[in-house]
């Protein structure tokens, strides 16, 4: 499942000026719920989730939200591929 390095890569991508679309975020709907089924996603899709949940308007990071993604992602997010530079 999701590794610390993959989350770090997604966070870097989310904080960059990369053009990320919200098309893939629907697979994460309800990710923190107990009955959420594991999903397979890309680094880019994970970056969209991180940007949506964790990046504040002033550019800071909501560390509680990031911790929630990290905790759930270790069990529920299968991340494939590498980020496109």
C-alpha atoms as a PDB file:
ATOM      1  CA  UNK A   1       0.000   0.000   0.000  1.00  0.00           C
ATOM      2  CA  UNK A   2       1.061   3.667   0.089  1.00  0.00           C
ATOM      3  CA  UNK A   3       4.567   4.327   1.369  1.00  0.00           C
ATOM      4  CA  UNK A   4       5.956   7.369   3.125  1.00  0.00           C
ATOM      5  CA  UNK A   5       8.033   8.197   0.024  1.00  0.00           C
ATOM      6  CA  UNK A   6       4.955   8.114  -2.199  1.00  0.00           C
ATOM      7  CA  UNK A   7       3.088  10.456   0.151  1.00  0.00           C
ATOM      8  CA  UNK A   8       6.096  12.763   0.221  1.00  0.00           C
ATOM      9  CA  UNK A   9       6.220  12.763  -3.567  1.00  0.00           C
ATOM     10  CA  UNK A  10       2.481  13.537  -3.734  1.00  0.00           C
ATOM     11  CA  UNK A  11       2.898  16.369  -1.209  1.00  0.00           C
ATOM     12  CA  UNK A  12       5.714  17.890  -3.258  1.00  0.00           C
ATOM     13  CA  UNK A  13       3.582  17.675  -6.392  1.00  0.00           C
ATOM     14  CA  UNK A  14       0.542  19.117  -4.584  1.00  0.00           C
ATOM     15  CA  UNK A  15       2.558  22.110  -3.345  1.00  0.00           C
ATOM     16  CA  UNK A  16       4.032  22.764  -6.791  1.00  0.00           C
ATOM     17  CA  UNK A  17       2.368  24.768  -9.501  1.00  0.00           C
ATOM     18  CA  UNK A  18       1.498  21.589 -11.382  1.00  0.00           C
ATOM     19  CA  UNK A  19      -1.814  21.583 -13.226  1.00  0.00           C
ATOM     20  CA  UNK A  20      -3.741  18.884 -11.369  1.00  0.00           C
ATOM     21  CA  UNK A  21      -7.345  18.198 -12.297  1.00  0.00           C
ATOM     22  CA  UNK A  22     -10.014  17.122  -9.856  1.00  0.00           C
ATOM     23  CA  UNK A  23     -11.237  14.357 -12.182  1.00  0.00           C
ATOM     24  CA  UNK A  24      -9.707  11.545 -10.128  1.00  0.00           C
ATOM     25  CA  UNK A  25     -10.586  12.761  -6.631  1.00  0.00           C
ATOM     26  CA  UNK A  26     -13.947  10.947  -6.594  1.00  0.00           C
ATOM     27  CA  UNK A  27     -12.209   7.614  -5.903  1.00  0.00           C
ATOM     28  CA  UNK A  28     -11.292   8.989  -2.473  1.00  0.00           C
ATOM     29  CA  UNK A  29     -14.845   9.923  -1.438  1.00  0.00           C
ATOM     30  CA  UNK A  30     -15.293   8.735   2.128  1.00  0.00           C
ATOM     31  CA  UNK A  31     -11.677   7.564   2.457  1.00  0.00           C
ATOM     32  CA  UNK A  32     -11.678   8.052   6.242  1.00  0.00           C
ATOM     33  CA  UNK A  33     -14.761   5.909   6.798  1.00  0.00           C
ATOM     34  CA  UNK A  34     -14.307   2.455   8.302  1.00  0.00           C
ATOM     35  CA  UNK A  35     -15.951   0.646   5.353  1.00  0.00           C
ATOM     36  CA  UNK A  36     -13.984   2.468   2.623  1.00  0.00           C
ATOM     37  CA  UNK A  37     -12.708  -0.126   0.160  1.00  0.00           C
ATOM     38  CA  UNK A  38      -9.017  -0.005  -0.860  1.00  0.00           C
ATOM     39  CA  UNK A  39      -8.299   1.820  -4.131  1.00  0.00           C
ATOM     40  CA  UNK A  40      -5.467   1.872  -6.636  1.00  0.00           C
ATOM     41  CA  UNK A  41      -4.390   5.374  -7.634  1.00  0.00           C
ATOM     42  CA  UNK A  42      -1.575   7.329  -9.222  1.00  0.00           C
ATOM     43  CA  UNK A  43       0.780   9.760  -7.505  1.00  0.00           C
ATOM     44  CA  UNK A  44      -1.047  12.542  -9.367  1.00  0.00           C
ATOM     45  CA  UNK A  45      -4.439  11.454  -7.990  1.00  0.00           C
ATOM     46  CA  UNK A  46      -2.956  11.286  -4.503  1.00  0.00           C
ATOM     47  CA  UNK A  47      -1.507  14.787  -5.014  1.00  0.00           C
ATOM     48  CA  UNK A  48      -4.988  16.055  -5.891  1.00  0.00           C
ATOM     49  CA  UNK A  49      -6.309  14.600  -2.624  1.00  0.00           C
ATOM     50  CA  UNK A  50      -3.441  16.139  -0.656  1.00  0.00           C
ATOM     51  CA  UNK A  51      -3.959  19.521  -2.320  1.00  0.00           C
ATOM     52  CA  UNK A  52      -7.705  19.378  -1.672  1.00  0.00           C
ATOM     53  CA  UNK A  53      -7.472  18.217   1.950  1.00  0.00           C
ATOM     54  CA  UNK A  54      -4.192  19.647   3.252  1.00  0.00           C
ATOM     55  CA  UNK A  55      -3.008  22.763   1.440  1.00  0.00           C
ATOM     56  CA  UNK A  56      -4.373  25.933   3.054  1.00  0.00           C
ATOM     57  CA  UNK A  57      -5.031  29.173   1.184  1.00  0.00           C
ATOM     58  CA  UNK A  58      -1.881  30.726   2.612  1.00  0.00           C
ATOM     59  CA  UNK A  59       0.236  27.805   1.348  1.00  0.00           C
ATOM     60  CA  UNK A  60       0.676  26.172   4.743  1.00  0.00           C
ATOM     61  CA  UNK A  61      -0.136  22.526   5.408  1.00  0.00           C
ATOM     62  CA  UNK A  62      -2.912  21.195   7.625  1.00  0.00           C
ATOM     63  CA  UNK A  63      -0.837  18.533   9.365  1.00  0.00           C
ATOM     64  CA  UNK A  64      -3.847  16.844  10.966  1.00  0.00           C
ATOM     65  CA  UNK A  65      -5.394  16.282   7.541  1.00  0.00           C
ATOM     66  CA  UNK A  66      -2.057  15.064   6.147  1.00  0.00           C
ATOM     67  CA  UNK A  67      -1.713  12.641   9.054  1.00  0.00           C
ATOM     68  CA  UNK A  68      -5.213  11.319   8.342  1.00  0.00           C
ATOM     69  CA  UNK A  69      -4.260  10.665   4.693  1.00  0.00           C
ATOM     70  CA  UNK A  70      -1.036   8.973   5.819  1.00  0.00           C
ATOM     71  CA  UNK A  71      -2.830   6.748   8.321  1.00  0.00           C
ATOM     72  CA  UNK A  72      -5.583   5.670   5.948  1.00  0.00           C
ATOM     73  CA  UNK A  73      -3.309   5.479   2.910  1.00  0.00           C
ATOM     74  CA  UNK A  74      -0.983   2.934   4.515  1.00  0.00           C
ATOM     75  CA  UNK A  75      -3.878   0.489   4.496  1.00  0.00           C
ATOM     76  CA  UNK A  76      -6.202   1.650   1.738  1.00  0.00           C
ATOM     77  CA  UNK A  77      -4.266   3.352  -1.112  1.00  0.00           C
ATOM     78  CA  UNK A  78      -2.322   1.282  -3.601  1.00  0.00           C
ATOM     79  CA  UNK A  79      -0.164   3.825  -5.442  1.00  0.00           C
ATOM     80  CA  UNK A  80       1.176   2.991  -8.891  1.00  0.00           C
ATOM     81  CA  UNK A  81       3.639   4.819 -11.121  1.00  0.00           C
ATOM     82  CA  UNK A  82       5.830   7.842 -10.559  1.00  0.00           C
ATOM     83  CA  UNK A  83       4.924  11.503 -10.711  1.00  0.00           C
ATOM     84  CA  UNK A  84       5.329  13.176 -14.072  1.00  0.00           C
ATOM     85  CA  UNK A  85       7.949  15.903 -13.734  1.00  0.00           C
END
